[in-house]
């Protein structure tokens, strides 16, 4: 779950052009376990931007590493994380989208 928050936080920071904080996790669904040695890929998509907050949908995909090569990718988790842009004092600030 911490890896999801890190990935979503990177995207949220890029979108808001500054500091962000995680305010909630709307949903999370673990579909399959991840094995030691598997390559984990996390993809994010911003689905909503408000005045100070945003929602980011995340998907976790795995590339299993087998003894004889790499197997097919498959989705192991989906989640929606919510972030708020904050100023230096930790107070919510408006999100200014870059052009």
N, C-alpha and C. Protein backbone atom coordinates (compact mmCIF):
# COMPACT_ATOMS: atom_id res chain seq x y z
N UNK A 1 0.83 -1.18 0.00
CA UNK A 1 0.00 0.00 0.00
C UNK A 1 0.88 1.26 0.00
N UNK A 2 2.01 1.20 0.65
CA UNK A 2 2.89 2.37 0.68
C UNK A 2 3.45 2.66 -0.71
N UNK A 3 3.70 1.61 -1.49
CA UNK A 3 4.18 1.82 -2.86
C UNK A 3 3.13 2.52 -3.71
N UNK A 4 1.86 2.20 -3.49
CA UNK A 4 0.77 2.89 -4.20
C UNK A 4 0.77 4.37 -3.84
N UNK A 5 0.91 4.67 -2.56
CA UNK A 5 0.89 6.06 -2.11
C UNK A 5 2.07 6.84 -2.68
N UNK A 6 3.23 6.20 -2.73
CA UNK A 6 4.40 6.87 -3.32
C UNK A 6 4.18 7.17 -4.80
N UNK A 7 3.66 6.21 -5.53
CA UNK A 7 3.43 6.40 -6.96
C UNK A 7 2.37 7.48 -7.20
N UNK A 8 1.27 7.41 -6.47
CA UNK A 8 0.22 8.42 -6.61
C UNK A 8 0.70 9.79 -6.18
N UNK A 9 1.52 9.84 -5.14
CA UNK A 9 2.04 11.11 -4.65
C UNK A 9 2.96 11.78 -5.66
N UNK A 10 3.73 11.01 -6.38
CA UNK A 10 4.60 11.57 -7.42
C UNK A 10 3.76 12.24 -8.49
N UNK A 11 2.71 11.56 -8.95
CA UNK A 11 1.84 12.13 -9.97
C UNK A 11 1.11 13.36 -9.43
N UNK A 12 0.60 13.30 -8.20
CA UNK A 12 -0.11 14.43 -7.61
C UNK A 12 0.80 15.65 -7.47
N UNK A 13 2.05 15.43 -7.09
CA UNK A 13 3.00 16.52 -6.96
C UNK A 13 3.28 17.17 -8.31
N UNK A 14 3.42 16.34 -9.34
CA UNK A 14 3.65 16.87 -10.69
C UNK A 14 2.46 17.71 -11.16
N UNK A 15 1.26 17.22 -10.91
CA UNK A 15 0.05 17.92 -11.35
C UNK A 15 -0.13 19.24 -10.60
N UNK A 16 0.10 19.23 -9.29
CA UNK A 16 -0.16 20.42 -8.47
C UNK A 16 1.01 21.39 -8.45
N UNK A 17 2.14 20.97 -9.00
CA UNK A 17 3.35 21.82 -9.01
C UNK A 17 3.78 22.23 -7.61
N UNK A 18 3.72 21.31 -6.66
CA UNK A 18 4.15 21.62 -5.31
C UNK A 18 3.86 20.51 -4.34
N UNK A 19 3.92 20.84 -3.07
CA UNK A 19 3.70 19.85 -2.01
C UNK A 19 2.26 19.36 -2.00
N UNK A 20 2.12 18.08 -1.63
CA UNK A 20 0.80 17.46 -1.49
C UNK A 20 0.79 16.60 -0.24
N UNK A 21 -0.40 16.27 0.23
CA UNK A 21 -0.56 15.29 1.31
C UNK A 21 -1.66 14.32 0.90
N UNK A 22 -1.54 13.10 1.36
CA UNK A 22 -2.58 12.10 1.13
C UNK A 22 -3.68 12.34 2.16
N UNK A 23 -4.94 12.45 1.67
CA UNK A 23 -6.02 12.67 2.63
C UNK A 23 -6.89 11.44 2.83
N UNK A 24 -6.95 10.57 1.81
CA UNK A 24 -7.75 9.36 1.98
C UNK A 24 -7.48 8.38 0.85
N UNK A 25 -7.93 7.16 1.08
CA UNK A 25 -7.95 6.12 0.05
C UNK A 25 -9.41 5.76 -0.14
N UNK A 26 -9.97 6.08 -1.30
CA UNK A 26 -11.39 5.83 -1.56
C UNK A 26 -11.68 4.35 -1.73
N UNK A 27 -10.76 3.67 -2.40
CA UNK A 27 -10.96 2.24 -2.64
C UNK A 27 -9.61 1.59 -2.89
N UNK A 28 -9.57 0.32 -2.55
CA UNK A 28 -8.39 -0.49 -2.86
C UNK A 28 -8.84 -1.94 -2.96
N UNK A 29 -8.38 -2.61 -4.00
CA UNK A 29 -8.76 -4.00 -4.22
C UNK A 29 -7.51 -4.80 -4.58
N UNK A 30 -7.17 -5.73 -3.70
CA UNK A 30 -6.05 -6.62 -3.96
C UNK A 30 -6.60 -7.87 -4.64
N UNK A 31 -6.20 -8.10 -5.90
CA UNK A 31 -6.75 -9.22 -6.68
C UNK A 31 -5.91 -10.48 -6.57
N UNK A 32 -4.60 -10.32 -6.54
CA UNK A 32 -3.69 -11.46 -6.50
C UNK A 32 -2.44 -11.07 -5.72
N UNK A 33 -1.76 -12.05 -5.16
CA UNK A 33 -0.51 -11.74 -4.45
C UNK A 33 0.63 -11.48 -5.44
N UNK A 34 1.65 -10.80 -4.94
CA UNK A 34 2.87 -10.55 -5.71
C UNK A 34 3.96 -11.43 -5.12
N UNK A 35 4.66 -12.15 -5.98
CA UNK A 35 5.73 -13.04 -5.51
C UNK A 35 7.06 -12.31 -5.44
N UNK A 36 7.91 -12.76 -4.56
CA UNK A 36 9.26 -12.21 -4.45
C UNK A 36 9.95 -12.40 -5.80
N UNK A 37 10.56 -11.34 -6.29
CA UNK A 37 11.27 -11.41 -7.57
C UNK A 37 10.46 -10.89 -8.74
N UNK A 38 9.13 -10.75 -8.57
CA UNK A 38 8.31 -10.21 -9.65
C UNK A 38 8.63 -8.73 -9.87
N UNK A 39 8.51 -8.28 -11.10
CA UNK A 39 8.68 -6.87 -11.42
C UNK A 39 7.31 -6.20 -11.25
N UNK A 40 7.27 -5.16 -10.43
CA UNK A 40 6.01 -4.47 -10.14
C UNK A 40 5.99 -3.13 -10.87
N UNK A 41 4.90 -2.86 -11.59
CA UNK A 41 4.72 -1.59 -12.31
C UNK A 41 3.44 -0.94 -11.81
N UNK A 42 3.50 0.34 -11.46
CA UNK A 42 2.32 1.06 -10.99
C UNK A 42 2.04 2.19 -11.96
N UNK A 43 0.78 2.25 -12.41
CA UNK A 43 0.35 3.26 -13.37
C UNK A 43 -0.74 4.12 -12.73
N UNK A 44 -0.68 5.44 -12.97
CA UNK A 44 -1.64 6.34 -12.37
C UNK A 44 -2.32 7.22 -13.39
N UNK A 45 -3.57 7.59 -13.08
CA UNK A 45 -4.35 8.47 -13.94
C UNK A 45 -5.16 9.40 -13.04
N UNK A 46 -4.99 10.70 -13.22
CA UNK A 46 -5.75 11.67 -12.45
C UNK A 46 -7.16 11.74 -13.01
N UNK A 47 -8.15 11.40 -12.19
CA UNK A 47 -9.53 11.33 -12.67
C UNK A 47 -10.38 12.52 -12.25
N UNK A 48 -9.88 13.32 -11.28
CA UNK A 48 -10.65 14.47 -10.81
C UNK A 48 -9.71 15.49 -10.20
N UNK A 49 -9.91 16.75 -10.56
CA UNK A 49 -9.15 17.84 -9.95
C UNK A 49 -10.15 18.87 -9.45
N UNK A 50 -10.08 19.16 -8.15
CA UNK A 50 -10.90 20.20 -7.55
C UNK A 50 -10.06 21.45 -7.35
N UNK A 51 -10.53 22.34 -6.48
CA UNK A 51 -9.79 23.58 -6.21
C UNK A 51 -8.46 23.29 -5.52
N UNK A 52 -8.47 22.40 -4.52
CA UNK A 52 -7.25 22.09 -3.78
C UNK A 52 -6.93 20.59 -3.77
N UNK A 53 -7.84 19.76 -4.26
CA UNK A 53 -7.66 18.31 -4.16
C UNK A 53 -7.73 17.63 -5.51
N UNK A 54 -7.31 16.38 -5.51
CA UNK A 54 -7.39 15.56 -6.73
C UNK A 54 -7.52 14.09 -6.35
N UNK A 55 -8.11 13.33 -7.25
CA UNK A 55 -8.24 11.88 -7.10
C UNK A 55 -7.41 11.22 -8.18
N UNK A 56 -6.68 10.19 -7.79
CA UNK A 56 -5.81 9.48 -8.72
C UNK A 56 -6.11 7.99 -8.65
N UNK A 57 -6.47 7.43 -9.79
CA UNK A 57 -6.67 5.98 -9.90
C UNK A 57 -5.32 5.33 -10.19
N UNK A 58 -5.05 4.26 -9.46
CA UNK A 58 -3.78 3.55 -9.61
C UNK A 58 -4.04 2.09 -9.94
N UNK A 59 -3.19 1.54 -10.78
CA UNK A 59 -3.23 0.11 -11.10
C UNK A 59 -1.84 -0.46 -10.88
N UNK A 60 -1.79 -1.65 -10.28
CA UNK A 60 -0.53 -2.35 -10.09
C UNK A 60 -0.53 -3.57 -11.00
N UNK A 61 0.48 -3.64 -11.82
CA UNK A 61 0.66 -4.77 -12.73
C UNK A 61 1.96 -5.47 -12.39
N UNK A 62 1.99 -6.76 -12.62
CA UNK A 62 3.16 -7.58 -12.32
C UNK A 62 3.66 -8.27 -13.58
N UNK A 63 4.99 -8.29 -13.70
CA UNK A 63 5.65 -9.10 -14.73
C UNK A 63 6.37 -10.20 -13.98
N UNK A 64 5.82 -11.42 -13.97
CA UNK A 64 6.50 -12.48 -13.24
C UNK A 64 7.83 -12.84 -13.90
N UNK A 65 8.83 -13.03 -13.08
CA UNK A 65 10.13 -13.45 -13.59
C UNK A 65 10.27 -14.93 -13.28
N UNK A 66 10.22 -15.73 -14.32
CA UNK A 66 10.29 -17.18 -14.19
C UNK A 66 11.72 -17.65 -14.45
N UNK A 67 11.99 -18.89 -14.11
CA UNK A 67 13.33 -19.45 -14.33
C UNK A 67 13.73 -19.41 -15.81
N UNK A 68 12.75 -19.51 -16.70
CA UNK A 68 13.05 -19.59 -18.13
C UNK A 68 12.70 -18.31 -18.89
N UNK A 69 12.48 -17.20 -18.20
CA UNK A 69 12.19 -15.94 -18.88
C UNK A 69 11.10 -15.17 -18.16
N UNK A 70 10.52 -14.20 -18.86
CA UNK A 70 9.48 -13.36 -18.27
C UNK A 70 8.12 -13.84 -18.75
N UNK A 71 7.17 -13.96 -17.81
CA UNK A 71 5.81 -14.38 -18.14
C UNK A 71 4.93 -13.21 -18.55
N UNK A 72 3.67 -13.48 -18.75
CA UNK A 72 2.71 -12.45 -19.14
C UNK A 72 2.41 -11.52 -17.97
N UNK A 73 2.16 -10.24 -18.29
CA UNK A 73 1.79 -9.27 -17.26
C UNK A 73 0.35 -9.50 -16.84
N UNK A 74 0.05 -9.18 -15.57
CA UNK A 74 -1.33 -9.25 -15.10
C UNK A 74 -1.54 -8.24 -13.98
N UNK A 75 -2.78 -7.76 -13.87
CA UNK A 75 -3.13 -6.75 -12.87
C UNK A 75 -3.34 -7.42 -11.52
N UNK A 76 -2.72 -6.86 -10.48
CA UNK A 76 -2.84 -7.44 -9.14
C UNK A 76 -3.57 -6.52 -8.16
N UNK A 77 -3.73 -5.23 -8.50
CA UNK A 77 -4.34 -4.31 -7.54
C UNK A 77 -4.86 -3.07 -8.26
N UNK A 78 -5.93 -2.51 -7.73
CA UNK A 78 -6.46 -1.23 -8.20
C UNK A 78 -6.84 -0.40 -6.99
N UNK A 79 -6.65 0.92 -7.08
CA UNK A 79 -6.95 1.78 -5.93
C UNK A 79 -7.22 3.20 -6.40
N UNK A 80 -7.91 3.96 -5.54
CA UNK A 80 -8.10 5.39 -5.76
C UNK A 80 -7.61 6.13 -4.52
N UNK A 81 -6.61 6.98 -4.71
CA UNK A 81 -6.04 7.78 -3.63
C UNK A 81 -6.43 9.24 -3.85
N UNK A 82 -6.63 9.96 -2.75
CA UNK A 82 -7.01 11.37 -2.81
C UNK A 82 -5.94 12.21 -2.13
N UNK A 83 -5.56 13.29 -2.80
CA UNK A 83 -4.48 14.16 -2.33
C UNK A 83 -4.96 15.60 -2.27
N UNK A 84 -4.34 16.39 -1.39
CA UNK A 84 -4.59 17.82 -1.29
C UNK A 84 -3.27 18.55 -1.46
N UNK A 85 -3.29 19.60 -2.29
CA UNK A 85 -2.12 20.46 -2.44
C UNK A 85 -2.02 21.34 -1.19
N UNK A 86 -0.81 21.48 -0.65
CA UNK A 86 -0.62 22.28 0.56
C UNK A 86 0.52 23.28 0.36
N UNK A 87 0.44 24.38 1.15
CA UNK A 87 1.51 25.37 1.12
C UNK A 87 2.59 24.99 2.13
N UNK A 88 3.56 25.87 2.32
CA UNK A 88 4.67 25.59 3.24
C UNK A 88 4.21 25.39 4.68
N UNK A 89 3.07 25.98 5.04
CA UNK A 89 2.54 25.83 6.39
C UNK A 89 1.62 24.64 6.56
N UNK A 90 1.43 23.87 5.49
CA UNK A 90 0.58 22.70 5.55
C UNK A 90 -0.90 22.99 5.34
N UNK A 91 -1.22 24.21 4.94
CA UNK A 91 -2.61 24.60 4.68
C UNK A 91 -2.96 24.33 3.22
N UNK A 92 -4.22 23.92 2.95
CA UNK A 92 -4.61 23.69 1.56
C UNK A 92 -4.38 24.93 0.69
N UNK A 93 -3.90 24.69 -0.52
CA UNK A 93 -3.68 25.78 -1.47
C UNK A 93 -4.32 25.41 -2.80
N UNK A 94 -4.72 26.40 -3.58
CA UNK A 94 -5.31 26.11 -4.89
C UNK A 94 -4.32 25.40 -5.81
N UNK A 95 -4.82 24.49 -6.60
CA UNK A 95 -4.00 23.80 -7.58
C UNK A 95 -3.91 24.69 -8.81
N UNK A 96 -2.69 25.03 -9.19
CA UNK A 96 -2.46 25.85 -10.39
C UNK A 96 -1.91 24.91 -11.45
N UNK A 97 -2.71 24.63 -12.44
CA UNK A 97 -2.28 23.74 -13.51
C UNK A 97 -1.34 24.46 -14.44
N UNK A 98 -0.26 23.78 -14.81
CA UNK A 98 0.68 24.38 -15.77
C UNK A 98 0.12 24.23 -17.17
N UNK A 99 0.53 25.16 -18.04
CA UNK A 99 0.04 25.14 -19.43
C UNK A 99 0.77 24.14 -20.26
